[in-house]
Amino acid sequence: MNPMTTEKLDRHSERGSAGTKFVIILLALVLIAHAGFNYIPVAYSAENFKQEMQTAVVNGMAVPSTVKPVDNVRIRIERAAADNDIPKDMVLEVKMNTQTVVAHAVYSKKVNMLPFGMYVYEYKFDYTAIPSGYLLKS
C-alpha cells in the first residue's frame, strides 16, 4: 500500500472541521457584539449621570444665597436622570453637609447580555457626589 494513501485514511476525522470552527467563532463574536451593544449604552449613561451629579453639586455651591442649594442640586440631578434614561425608581438623597451639598444616588437596571433573555445582568449604580475644588478653599 502506498504511504500517501494510508496518511489520507488516518486523517479522515480531521476533514470538514474548518466550517464548524468558523461557525463557532462567528457565533461567539455575534454573542459578544450583542452583549456589548446592550451593555455599553447603559454604562455610558451611568458615567454621564455620574459626571452630571458631580457638576450639580459643584454648581450648587456657587448659587446665590437666595436660592436653596439643596433644591437647586436636586432639580439638576433629576433633570440629568431624565436625560440619561435613568430608571424612575432611583433613590436620590441630597443633603447639606456643613458647608457643602452632598448627593447620593442608587439604582439598578437590567441588561440583556444574551439574546432571548437567556442571561440578564443587573447593572448596579451607587454613587455619592461630593464637591471638590476651588469653591471649598477658604
Protein backbone atom coordinates (compact mmCIF):
# COMPACT_ATOMS: atom_id res chain seq x y z
CA MET A 1 0.00 0.00 0.00
CA ASN A 2 1.17 3.47 -0.80
CA PRO A 3 2.23 5.55 2.28
CA MET A 4 0.36 8.54 0.83
CA THR A 5 -2.92 6.61 0.85
CA THR A 6 -2.57 5.47 4.46
CA GLU A 7 -1.91 9.03 5.59
CA LYS A 8 -5.19 10.19 4.00
CA LEU A 9 -7.06 7.36 5.67
CA ASP A 10 -5.57 8.22 9.07
CA ARG A 11 -6.73 11.85 8.86
CA HIS A 12 -10.32 11.12 7.96
CA SER A 13 -11.62 12.52 11.28
CA GLU A 14 -9.98 15.90 10.63
CA ARG A 15 -11.87 16.64 7.44
CA GLY A 16 -14.62 19.24 7.43
CA SER A 17 -13.82 20.79 10.80
CA ALA A 18 -12.88 24.22 9.39
CA GLY A 19 -16.51 25.08 8.66
CA THR A 20 -17.57 24.02 12.14
CA LYS A 21 -14.83 26.09 13.77
CA PHE A 22 -15.80 29.08 11.64
CA VAL A 23 -19.46 28.82 12.72
CA ILE A 24 -18.50 28.50 16.40
CA ILE A 25 -16.19 31.52 16.25
CA LEU A 26 -18.76 33.53 14.30
CA LEU A 27 -21.43 32.66 16.88
CA ALA A 28 -19.12 33.70 19.74
CA LEU A 29 -18.38 37.03 18.01
CA VAL A 30 -22.10 37.68 17.46
CA LEU A 31 -22.84 36.97 21.14
CA ILE A 32 -20.03 39.29 22.29
CA ALA A 33 -21.23 42.02 19.92
CA HIS A 34 -24.81 41.62 21.21
CA ALA A 35 -23.66 41.91 24.84
CA GLY A 36 -21.58 44.98 24.05
CA PHE A 37 -24.41 46.56 22.06
CA ASN A 38 -26.69 46.27 25.10
CA TYR A 39 -24.19 46.96 27.92
CA ILE A 40 -22.18 49.90 26.56
CA PRO A 41 -25.12 52.39 26.39
CA VAL A 42 -26.14 51.56 29.98
CA ALA A 43 -22.59 52.01 31.28
CA TYR A 44 -22.13 55.20 29.23
CA SER A 45 -25.33 56.78 30.56
CA ALA A 46 -24.31 55.85 34.13
CA GLU A 47 -20.92 57.53 33.73
CA ASN A 48 -22.54 60.56 32.13
CA PHE A 49 -25.04 60.73 35.00
CA LYS A 50 -22.16 60.48 37.49
CA GLN A 51 -20.48 63.44 35.82
CA GLU A 52 -23.75 65.41 35.84
CA MET A 53 -24.16 64.71 39.56
CA GLN A 54 -20.66 65.98 40.24
CA THR A 55 -21.32 69.13 38.21
CA ALA A 56 -24.63 69.70 40.01
CA VAL A 57 -23.09 69.61 43.49
CA VAL A 58 -20.27 71.96 42.47
CA ASN A 59 -22.78 74.36 40.87
CA GLY A 60 -24.97 74.05 43.96
CA MET A 61 -22.17 75.59 45.99
CA ALA A 62 -21.93 78.54 43.60
CA VAL A 63 -25.61 79.58 43.60
CA PRO A 64 -26.61 82.90 45.17
CA SER A 65 -27.85 82.84 48.76
CA THR A 66 -31.47 83.50 47.70
CA VAL A 67 -31.72 80.01 46.17
CA LYS A 68 -31.62 76.91 48.37
CA PRO A 69 -28.62 74.86 47.22
CA VAL A 70 -30.24 71.51 48.11
CA ASP A 71 -33.31 72.22 45.98
CA ASN A 72 -31.17 73.51 43.11
CA VAL A 73 -28.98 70.39 43.15
CA ARG A 74 -31.99 68.05 43.38
CA ILE A 75 -33.64 69.71 40.35
CA ARG A 76 -30.43 69.49 38.30
CA ILE A 77 -29.87 65.83 39.17
CA GLU A 78 -33.49 64.87 38.42
CA ARG A 79 -33.21 66.61 35.04
CA ALA A 80 -29.93 64.76 34.34
CA ALA A 81 -31.60 61.47 35.32
CA ALA A 82 -34.38 62.07 32.80
CA ASP A 83 -31.85 62.99 30.09
CA ASN A 84 -29.75 59.85 30.70
CA ASP A 85 -32.62 57.35 30.79
CA ILE A 86 -32.13 56.53 34.46
CA PRO A 87 -34.95 54.38 35.97
CA LYS A 88 -37.78 56.24 37.71
CA ASP A 89 -37.31 54.17 40.88
CA MET A 90 -33.87 55.72 41.51
CA VAL A 91 -33.24 56.62 45.15
CA LEU A 92 -31.85 60.16 45.35
CA GLU A 93 -30.71 61.81 48.56
CA VAL A 94 -29.45 65.39 48.55
CA LYS A 95 -28.43 66.98 51.83
CA MET A 96 -26.46 69.87 53.21
CA ASN A 97 -23.27 68.80 54.96
CA THR A 98 -21.55 71.59 56.96
CA GLN A 99 -20.51 73.85 54.05
CA THR A 100 -21.18 71.51 51.12
CA VAL A 101 -24.06 69.82 49.36
CA VAL A 102 -23.76 66.02 49.04
CA ALA A 103 -25.84 63.95 46.60
CA HIS A 104 -26.21 60.18 46.72
CA ALA A 105 -27.98 58.17 44.01
CA VAL A 106 -28.71 54.44 43.82
CA TYR A 107 -30.44 52.47 41.09
CA SER A 108 -30.24 49.20 39.23
CA LYS A 109 -31.01 48.43 35.62
CA LYS A 110 -31.40 45.08 33.87
CA VAL A 111 -29.28 44.48 30.76
CA ASN A 112 -29.93 41.58 28.36
CA MET A 113 -26.47 40.17 27.75
CA LEU A 114 -27.56 37.13 25.70
CA PRO A 115 -30.37 37.07 23.15
CA PHE A 116 -33.89 35.99 24.11
CA GLY A 117 -33.28 36.81 27.78
CA MET A 118 -31.07 33.77 28.37
CA TYR A 119 -28.80 35.86 30.65
CA VAL A 120 -29.82 39.17 32.19
CA TYR A 121 -27.20 41.23 34.02
CA GLU A 122 -28.27 43.67 36.73
CA TYR A 123 -26.23 46.86 36.44
CA LYS A 124 -25.99 48.48 39.88
CA PHE A 125 -25.24 52.18 40.27
CA ASP A 126 -24.30 53.63 43.65
CA TYR A 127 -22.51 56.98 43.69
CA THR A 128 -22.04 59.84 46.14
CA ALA A 129 -21.14 63.21 44.63
CA ILE A 130 -19.11 65.44 46.91
CA PRO A 131 -17.93 68.84 45.63
CA SER A 132 -14.23 69.46 45.38
CA GLY A 133 -12.08 72.19 44.01
CA TYR A 134 -11.61 75.92 44.46
CA LEU A 135 -15.08 76.58 45.91
CA LEU A 136 -14.22 74.73 49.11
CA LYS A 137 -10.96 76.55 49.82
CA SER A 138 -11.27 79.25 52.45
